[in-house]
Amino acid sequence: MGAAHDGSGHGGLGRFTRWLKASRAPRQAPVDPDREALLLAAAAAGLPLAPAAHPADYRCSCNRIGCPTPGRHPISFAWQTQSTTDRGQIERWARHQPQANFVTATGMVHDVLDVPLAAGQEALERLLSTGVDVGPVAESGGDRMLFFTATRGTPADEDEWWPCELDCHPETMDEHPGLRWHCRGSYTLVPPARLPGDRAVTWLRGPEHPLPDPLTLLEALTDACARHTGADEPDYTGAWPS
């Protein structure tokens, strides 16, 4: 015997049952082509990416009570091994997690010199005016600027390895109000990223710019940081052999 019909064309399913089934069905969020294109451009430039948390109202999507870095940290504890430049994987992440920010793992291909916004603006103007090849630069949250450089975190001689202890743990970030050098063991958000309070991480100079040696930027950045933080920055230029 065929299924009974209620005259609505739904095979006898009541209105509430149909609503319940529909409410449980997975909903595919619309794809943001600009977001995806920017992420793929970063990956094409060699920046390994992994999904990160995102703002959820005034909280973090991780739902950790009192999350110290809402929207700024990876989703997985395995972010270092998970990070990839594979186009297909990044497309899947971007489409299945349409709200997620992304981090880029530093010290593999690139480092990031992270400075206060005012110091970064001053240093960027100085560097460009003197003809220095500046690589990708991002503004982060309206208070920091990120200078992407080639890495010095994976030297051929492991005795020369300088691990990143400037801010690779969120609880230490307040201890470094000036320059933070993200190298092996650290990460930063990669544009486009959303932060609480309608703030964002955006490119000022995109990933199409080649990654420079960090030492070509360091003097201008440390000088600017010293002026804007009111304290002398440590001299990192002696940390690497010339």
C-alpha atoms as a PDB file:
ATOM      1  CA  MET A   1       0.000   0.000   0.000  1.00  0.00           C
ATOM      2  CA  GLY A   2       1.331   3.424  -0.856  1.00  0.00           C
ATOM      3  CA  ALA A   3       2.181   6.014   1.778  1.00  0.00           C
ATOM      4  CA  ALA A   4      -0.691   8.116   2.986  1.00  0.00           C
ATOM      5  CA  HIS A   5      -0.802  11.703   1.852  1.00  0.00           C
ATOM      6  CA  ASP A   6      -2.037  14.731   3.729  1.00  0.00           C
ATOM      7  CA  GLY A   7      -2.733  16.640   0.572  1.00  0.00           C
ATOM      8  CA  SER A   8       0.370  18.746   0.923  1.00  0.00           C
ATOM      9  CA  GLY A   9       2.605  16.629  -1.245  1.00  0.00           C
ATOM     10  CA  HIS A  10       4.848  15.598   1.677  1.00  0.00           C
ATOM     11  CA  GLY A  11       3.833  11.950   2.040  1.00  0.00           C
ATOM     12  CA  GLY A  12       1.877  12.324   5.270  1.00  0.00           C
ATOM     13  CA  LEU A  13       4.570  14.235   7.209  1.00  0.00           C
ATOM     14  CA  GLY A  14       3.065  16.713   9.620  1.00  0.00           C
ATOM     15  CA  ARG A  15       4.044  20.355   9.510  1.00  0.00           C
ATOM     16  CA  PHE A  16       6.016  20.105  12.779  1.00  0.00           C
ATOM     17  CA  THR A  17       7.860  16.990  11.583  1.00  0.00           C
ATOM     18  CA  ARG A  18       8.837  18.718   8.346  1.00  0.00           C
ATOM     19  CA  TRP A  19      10.036  21.777  10.263  1.00  0.00           C
ATOM     20  CA  LEU A  20      12.088  19.577  12.625  1.00  0.00           C
ATOM     21  CA  LYS A  21      13.752  17.741   9.744  1.00  0.00           C
ATOM     22  CA  ALA A  22      14.549  21.011   8.008  1.00  0.00           C
ATOM     23  CA  SER A  23      15.983  22.564  11.168  1.00  0.00           C
ATOM     24  CA  ARG A  24      18.339  19.613  11.597  1.00  0.00           C
ATOM     25  CA  ALA A  25      19.582  19.665   8.023  1.00  0.00           C
ATOM     26  CA  PRO A  26      23.101  21.063   7.635  1.00  0.00           C
ATOM     27  CA  ARG A  27      23.136  24.547   6.212  1.00  0.00           C
ATOM     28  CA  GLN A  28      25.864  25.496   3.780  1.00  0.00           C
ATOM     29  CA  ALA A  29      26.962  29.053   4.448  1.00  0.00           C
ATOM     30  CA  PRO A  30      27.587  31.204   1.383  1.00  0.00           C
ATOM     31  CA  VAL A  31      31.166  31.252   0.131  1.00  0.00           C
ATOM     32  CA  ASP A  32      32.955  34.599   0.307  1.00  0.00           C
ATOM     33  CA  PRO A  33      35.033  34.625  -2.901  1.00  0.00           C
ATOM     34  CA  ASP A  34      37.138  37.577  -1.777  1.00  0.00           C
ATOM     35  CA  ARG A  35      38.077  35.854   1.488  1.00  0.00           C
ATOM     36  CA  GLU A  36      38.916  32.626  -0.290  1.00  0.00           C
ATOM     37  CA  ALA A  37      40.954  34.403  -2.969  1.00  0.00           C
ATOM     38  CA  LEU A  38      43.010  36.252  -0.348  1.00  0.00           C
ATOM     39  CA  LEU A  39      43.693  33.040   1.586  1.00  0.00           C
ATOM     40  CA  LEU A  40      44.730  31.220  -1.578  1.00  0.00           C
ATOM     41  CA  ALA A  41      47.007  34.115  -2.547  1.00  0.00           C
ATOM     42  CA  ALA A  42      48.729  33.883   0.835  1.00  0.00           C
ATOM     43  CA  ALA A  43      49.168  30.128   0.413  1.00  0.00           C
ATOM     44  CA  ALA A  44      50.480  30.583  -3.137  1.00  0.00           C
ATOM     45  CA  ALA A  45      53.120  32.925  -1.695  1.00  0.00           C
ATOM     46  CA  GLY A  46      54.265  30.068   0.547  1.00  0.00           C
ATOM     47  CA  LEU A  47      52.540  30.996   3.812  1.00  0.00           C
ATOM     48  CA  PRO A  48      51.311  27.777   5.493  1.00  0.00           C
ATOM     49  CA  LEU A  49      47.768  28.231   6.836  1.00  0.00           C
ATOM     50  CA  ALA A  50      45.575  26.571   9.457  1.00  0.00           C
ATOM     51  CA  PRO A  51      42.036  27.409  10.661  1.00  0.00           C
ATOM     52  CA  ALA A  52      41.653  29.675  13.667  1.00  0.00           C
ATOM     53  CA  ALA A  53      38.919  30.816  16.025  1.00  0.00           C
ATOM     54  CA  HIS A  54      36.693  33.774  15.214  1.00  0.00           C
ATOM     55  CA  PRO A  55      34.626  36.326  17.165  1.00  0.00           C
ATOM     56  CA  ALA A  56      31.228  35.134  18.353  1.00  0.00           C
ATOM     57  CA  ASP A  57      29.435  38.269  19.498  1.00  0.00           C
ATOM     58  CA  TYR A  58      31.824  39.582  22.163  1.00  0.00           C
ATOM     59  CA  ARG A  59      33.260  36.152  22.908  1.00  0.00           C
ATOM     60  CA  CYS A  60      35.529  33.710  21.136  1.00  0.00           C
ATOM     61  CA  SER A  61      34.139  30.841  19.073  1.00  0.00           C
ATOM     62  CA  CYS A  62      36.227  28.430  21.175  1.00  0.00           C
ATOM     63  CA  ASN A  63      33.764  29.044  24.058  1.00  0.00           C
ATOM     64  CA  ARG A  64      36.628  29.098  26.548  1.00  0.00           C
ATOM     65  CA  ILE A  65      35.600  31.270  29.484  1.00  0.00           C
ATOM     66  CA  GLY A  66      37.925  34.255  29.579  1.00  0.00           C
ATOM     67  CA  CYS A  67      39.780  33.298  26.381  1.00  0.00           C
ATOM     68  CA  PRO A  68      42.876  35.554  26.476  1.00  0.00           C
ATOM     69  CA  THR A  69      43.088  35.948  22.685  1.00  0.00           C
ATOM     70  CA  PRO A  70      39.557  35.763  21.252  1.00  0.00           C
ATOM     71  CA  GLY A  71      39.560  35.091  17.532  1.00  0.00           C
ATOM     72  CA  ARG A  72      43.360  35.050  17.413  1.00  0.00           C
ATOM     73  CA  HIS A  73      44.350  31.427  18.094  1.00  0.00           C
ATOM     74  CA  PRO A  74      44.310  28.173  16.100  1.00  0.00           C
ATOM     75  CA  ILE A  75      41.386  25.795  16.400  1.00  0.00           C
ATOM     76  CA  SER A  76      43.548  22.683  16.696  1.00  0.00           C
ATOM     77  CA  PHE A  77      46.430  21.998  19.072  1.00  0.00           C
ATOM     78  CA  ALA A  78      48.085  20.353  16.046  1.00  0.00           C
ATOM     79  CA  TRP A  79      48.225  23.629  14.120  1.00  0.00           C
ATOM     80  CA  GLN A  80      51.943  23.326  13.366  1.00  0.00           C
ATOM     81  CA  THR A  81      51.610  19.990  11.574  1.00  0.00           C
ATOM     82  CA  GLN A  82      48.197  20.919  10.170  1.00  0.00           C
ATOM     83  CA  SER A  83      49.447  24.125   8.512  1.00  0.00           C
ATOM     84  CA  THR A  84      49.596  23.789   4.748  1.00  0.00           C
ATOM     85  CA  THR A  85      49.781  25.645   1.465  1.00  0.00           C
ATOM     86  CA  ASP A  86      47.731  22.980  -0.339  1.00  0.00           C
ATOM     87  CA  ARG A  87      45.095  24.765  -2.396  1.00  0.00           C
ATOM     88  CA  GLY A  88      42.481  22.010  -2.174  1.00  0.00           C
ATOM     89  CA  GLN A  89      42.738  21.730   1.607  1.00  0.00           C
ATOM     90  CA  ILE A  90      42.492  25.486   2.111  1.00  0.00           C
ATOM     91  CA  GLU A  91      39.452  25.652  -0.168  1.00  0.00           C
ATOM     92  CA  ARG A  92      37.760  22.911   1.881  1.00  0.00           C
ATOM     93  CA  TRP A  93      38.532  24.656   5.159  1.00  0.00           C
ATOM     94  CA  ALA A  94      37.369  28.020   3.854  1.00  0.00           C
ATOM     95  CA  ARG A  95      34.069  26.628   2.558  1.00  0.00           C
ATOM     96  CA  HIS A  96      33.252  24.319   5.463  1.00  0.00           C
ATOM     97  CA  GLN A  97      34.275  26.888   8.102  1.00  0.00           C
ATOM     98  CA  PRO A  98      33.063  30.151   6.550  1.00  0.00           C
ATOM     99  CA  GLN A  99      33.412  32.147   9.775  1.00  0.00           C
ATOM    100  CA  ALA A 100      36.888  30.921  10.686  1.00  0.00           C
ATOM    101  CA  ASN A 101      39.949  33.125  10.755  1.00  0.00           C
ATOM    102  CA  PHE A 102      43.235  31.600   9.629  1.00  0.00           C
ATOM    103  CA  VAL A 103      46.694  31.650  11.185  1.00  0.00           C
ATOM    104  CA  THR A 104      49.978  31.235   9.393  1.00  0.00           C
ATOM    105  CA  ALA A 105      52.688  29.192  11.087  1.00  0.00           C
ATOM    106  CA  THR A 106      55.936  31.142  11.198  1.00  0.00           C
ATOM    107  CA  GLY A 107      59.473  29.792  11.108  1.00  0.00           C
ATOM    108  CA  MET A 108      58.808  27.396   8.227  1.00  0.00           C
ATOM    109  CA  VAL A 109      58.965  29.719   5.226  1.00  0.00           C
ATOM    110  CA  HIS A 110      58.549  33.135   6.774  1.00  0.00           C
ATOM    111  CA  ASP A 111      58.869  35.119   9.994  1.00  0.00           C
ATOM    112  CA  VAL A 112      56.750  38.070  11.107  1.00  0.00           C
ATOM    113  CA  LEU A 113      58.010  41.211  12.811  1.00  0.00           C
ATOM    114  CA  ASP A 114      55.064  42.467  14.867  1.00  0.00           C
ATOM    115  CA  VAL A 115      55.209  46.088  16.060  1.00  0.00           C
ATOM    116  CA  PRO A 116      52.878  48.789  17.456  1.00  0.00           C
ATOM    117  CA  LEU A 117      50.889  50.471  14.699  1.00  0.00           C
ATOM    118  CA  ALA A 118      52.406  53.960  15.079  1.00  0.00           C
ATOM    119  CA  ALA A 119      55.941  52.538  15.054  1.00  0.00           C
ATOM    120  CA  GLY A 120      55.130  50.391  12.044  1.00  0.00           C
ATOM    121  CA  GLN A 121      53.700  53.295  10.079  1.00  0.00           C
ATOM    122  CA  GLU A 122      56.796  55.396  10.777  1.00  0.00           C
ATOM    123  CA  ALA A 123      59.165  52.549   9.891  1.00  0.00           C
ATOM    124  CA  LEU A 124      57.270  51.633   6.715  1.00  0.00           C
ATOM    125  CA  GLU A 125      57.439  55.214   5.440  1.00  0.00           C
ATOM    126  CA  ARG A 126      61.153  55.374   6.213  1.00  0.00           C
ATOM    127  CA  LEU A 127      61.904  52.032   4.566  1.00  0.00           C
ATOM    128  CA  LEU A 128      59.986  52.819   1.383  1.00  0.00           C
ATOM    129  CA  SER A 129      61.490  56.289   1.101  1.00  0.00           C
ATOM    130  CA  THR A 130      65.012  54.843   1.241  1.00  0.00           C
ATOM    131  CA  GLY A 131      64.295  52.187  -1.384  1.00  0.00           C
ATOM    132  CA  VAL A 132      64.333  49.146   0.890  1.00  0.00           C
ATOM    133  CA  ASP A 133      62.447  46.167  -0.509  1.00  0.00           C
ATOM    134  CA  VAL A 134      59.619  45.743   1.989  1.00  0.00           C
ATOM    135  CA  GLY A 135      57.589  42.561   1.745  1.00  0.00           C
ATOM    136  CA  PRO A 136      53.957  41.944   2.679  1.00  0.00           C
ATOM    137  CA  VAL A 137      52.632  44.141   5.501  1.00  0.00           C
ATOM    138  CA  ALA A 138      49.352  43.809   7.385  1.00  0.00           C
ATOM    139  CA  GLU A 139      47.502  45.958   9.903  1.00  0.00           C
ATOM    140  CA  SER A 140      46.187  43.969  12.852  1.00  0.00           C
ATOM    141  CA  GLY A 141      43.281  45.167  14.958  1.00  0.00           C
ATOM    142  CA  GLY A 142      44.061  48.848  14.579  1.00  0.00           C
ATOM    143  CA  ASP A 143      46.945  48.670  17.043  1.00  0.00           C
ATOM    144  CA  ARG A 144      49.651  46.452  15.541  1.00  0.00           C
ATOM    145  CA  MET A 145      51.437  46.119  12.206  1.00  0.00           C
ATOM    146  CA  LEU A 146      52.850  42.848  10.840  1.00  0.00           C
ATOM    147  CA  PHE A 147      55.910  42.787   8.578  1.00  0.00           C
ATOM    148  CA  PHE A 148      56.253  39.443   6.771  1.00  0.00           C
ATOM    149  CA  THR A 149      59.854  38.422   6.036  1.00  0.00           C
ATOM    150  CA  ALA A 150      61.854  35.387   5.003  1.00  0.00           C
ATOM    151  CA  THR A 151      62.530  33.064   7.908  1.00  0.00           C
ATOM    152  CA  ARG A 152      65.655  32.768   9.978  1.00  0.00           C
ATOM    153  CA  GLY A 153      64.051  30.084  12.113  1.00  0.00           C
ATOM    154  CA  THR A 154      65.328  27.044  10.190  1.00  0.00           C
ATOM    155  CA  PRO A 155      69.081  27.478   9.681  1.00  0.00           C
ATOM    156  CA  ALA A 156      71.181  24.617   8.301  1.00  0.00           C
ATOM    157  CA  ASP A 157      73.048  24.465  11.608  1.00  0.00           C
ATOM    158  CA  GLU A 158      70.525  23.704  14.367  1.00  0.00           C
ATOM    159  CA  ASP A 159      72.900  25.274  16.915  1.00  0.00           C
ATOM    160  CA  GLU A 160      71.960  28.605  15.349  1.00  0.00           C
ATOM    161  CA  TRP A 161      68.236  28.023  15.829  1.00  0.00           C
ATOM    162  CA  TRP A 162      66.603  30.845  17.711  1.00  0.00           C
ATOM    163  CA  PRO A 163      63.264  29.620  19.099  1.00  0.00           C
ATOM    164  CA  CYS A 164      60.487  32.159  19.303  1.00  0.00           C
ATOM    165  CA  GLU A 165      59.880  32.973  22.957  1.00  0.00           C
ATOM    166  CA  LEU A 166      58.855  36.572  22.378  1.00  0.00           C
ATOM    167  CA  ASP A 167      55.143  35.825  22.253  1.00  0.00           C
ATOM    168  CA  CYS A 168      54.470  32.260  21.196  1.00  0.00           C
ATOM    169  CA  HIS A 169      52.313  31.915  24.319  1.00  0.00           C
ATOM    170  CA  PRO A 170      49.310  34.279  24.536  1.00  0.00           C
ATOM    171  CA  GLU A 171      49.909  34.997  28.227  1.00  0.00           C
ATOM    172  CA  THR A 172      53.332  36.504  27.455  1.00  0.00           C
ATOM    173  CA  MET A 173      52.162  39.037  24.870  1.00  0.00           C
ATOM    174  CA  ASP A 174      51.746  41.881  27.354  1.00  0.00           C
ATOM    175  CA  GLU A 175      55.414  41.448  28.299  1.00  0.00           C
ATOM    176  CA  HIS A 176      56.461  42.540  24.807  1.00  0.00           C
ATOM    177  CA  PRO A 177      54.711  45.846  24.045  1.00  0.00           C
ATOM    178  CA  GLY A 178      57.342  46.728  21.439  1.00  0.00           C
ATOM    179  CA  LEU A 179      58.708  44.441  18.757  1.00  0.00           C
ATOM    180  CA  ARG A 180      57.686  40.773  18.730  1.00  0.00           C
ATOM    181  CA  TRP A 181      59.589  38.435  16.421  1.00  0.00           C
ATOM    182  CA  HIS A 182      57.464  35.468  15.367  1.00  0.00           C
ATOM    183  CA  CYS A 183      59.669  32.648  14.145  1.00  0.00           C
ATOM    184  CA  ARG A 184      59.658  28.895  14.693  1.00  0.00           C
ATOM    185  CA  GLY A 185      57.020  27.841  17.210  1.00  0.00           C
ATOM    186  CA  SER A 186      54.784  30.867  16.704  1.00  0.00           C
ATOM    187  CA  TYR A 187      51.980  32.073  14.465  1.00  0.00           C
ATOM    188  CA  THR A 188      50.071  35.168  13.468  1.00  0.00           C
ATOM    189  CA  LEU A 189      46.680  35.781  11.939  1.00  0.00           C
ATOM    190  CA  VAL A 190      46.701  36.154   8.177  1.00  0.00           C
ATOM    191  CA  PRO A 191      44.337  38.535   6.351  1.00  0.00           C
ATOM    192  CA  PRO A 192      41.450  38.619   6.026  1.00  0.00           C
ATOM    193  CA  ALA A 193      40.597  38.047   9.681  1.00  0.00           C
ATOM    194  CA  ARG A 194      37.914  39.434  11.983  1.00  0.00           C
ATOM    195  CA  LEU A 195      38.508  40.455  15.590  1.00  0.00           C
ATOM    196  CA  PRO A 196      36.075  41.374  18.370  1.00  0.00           C
ATOM    197  CA  GLY A 197      34.665  44.883  18.264  1.00  0.00           C
ATOM    198  CA  ASP A 198      34.447  45.047  14.458  1.00  0.00           C
ATOM    199  CA  ARG A 199      38.230  45.145  14.174  1.00  0.00           C
ATOM    200  CA  ALA A 200      40.101  43.279  11.463  1.00  0.00           C
ATOM    201  CA  VAL A 201      43.430  42.125  10.064  1.00  0.00           C
ATOM    202  CA  THR A 202      43.954  43.468   6.544  1.00  0.00           C
ATOM    203  CA  TRP A 203      46.750  43.691   4.004  1.00  0.00           C
ATOM    204  CA  LEU A 204      48.494  47.015   3.478  1.00  0.00           C
ATOM    205  CA  ARG A 205      50.945  45.373   1.062  1.00  0.00           C
ATOM    206  CA  GLY A 206      49.801  42.017  -0.251  1.00  0.00           C
ATOM    207  CA  PRO A 207      51.550  38.646  -0.369  1.00  0.00           C
ATOM    208  CA  GLU A 208      52.592  39.230  -3.988  1.00  0.00           C
ATOM    209  CA  HIS A 209      55.590  41.160  -2.625  1.00  0.00           C
ATOM    210  CA  PRO A 210      58.708  38.972  -2.154  1.00  0.00           C
ATOM    211  CA  LEU A 211      59.732  38.183   1.419  1.00  0.00           C
ATOM    212  CA  PRO A 212      62.790  40.251   2.463  1.00  0.00           C
ATOM    213  CA  ASP A 213      65.535  39.285   4.889  1.00  0.00           C
ATOM    214  CA  PRO A 214      64.282  40.425   8.334  1.00  0.00           C
ATOM    215  CA  LEU A 215      67.595  42.104   9.115  1.00  0.00           C
ATOM    216  CA  THR A 216      66.976  44.627   6.316  1.00  0.00           C
ATOM    217  CA  LEU A 217      63.937  45.898   8.240  1.00  0.00           C
ATOM    218  CA  LEU A 218      65.071  45.423  11.808  1.00  0.00           C
ATOM    219  CA  GLU A 219      66.971  48.651  12.427  1.00  0.00           C
ATOM    220  CA  ALA A 220      64.103  50.851  11.220  1.00  0.00           C
ATOM    221  CA  LEU A 221      61.580  48.845  13.238  1.00  0.00           C
ATOM    222  CA  THR A 222      63.569  48.798  16.488  1.00  0.00           C
ATOM    223  CA  ASP A 223      64.338  52.526  16.216  1.00  0.00           C
ATOM    224  CA  ALA A 224      60.659  53.334  15.691  1.00  0.00           C
ATOM    225  CA  CYS A 225      59.599  51.012  18.516  1.00  0.00           C
ATOM    226  CA  ALA A 226      62.049  52.646  20.910  1.00  0.00           C
ATOM    227  CA  ARG A 227      60.546  56.057  20.174  1.00  0.00           C
ATOM    228  CA  HIS A 228      56.928  54.948  20.412  1.00  0.00           C
ATOM    229  CA  THR A 229      57.195  52.676  23.462  1.00  0.00           C
ATOM    230  CA  GLY A 230      59.503  54.976  25.372  1.00  0.00           C
ATOM    231  CA  ALA A 231      62.058  52.246  25.989  1.00  0.00           C
ATOM    232  CA  ASP A 232      65.045  50.815  24.216  1.00  0.00           C
ATOM    233  CA  GLU A 233      64.334  47.678  22.241  1.00  0.00           C
ATOM    234  CA  PRO A 234      66.806  44.798  22.443  1.00  0.00           C
ATOM    235  CA  ASP A 235      69.319  44.580  19.603  1.00  0.00           C
ATOM    236  CA  TYR A 236      68.346  41.445  17.682  1.00  0.00           C
ATOM    237  CA  THR A 237      70.880  42.018  14.888  1.00  0.00           C
ATOM    238  CA  GLY A 238      73.566  40.193  16.870  1.00  0.00           C
ATOM    239  CA  ALA A 239      71.444  37.069  17.194  1.00  0.00           C
ATOM    240  CA  TRP A 240      72.386  35.802  13.740  1.00  0.00           C
ATOM    241  CA  PRO A 241      75.712  35.363  12.001  1.00  0.00           C
ATOM    242  CA  SER A 242      76.257  37.778   9.149  1.00  0.00           C
END
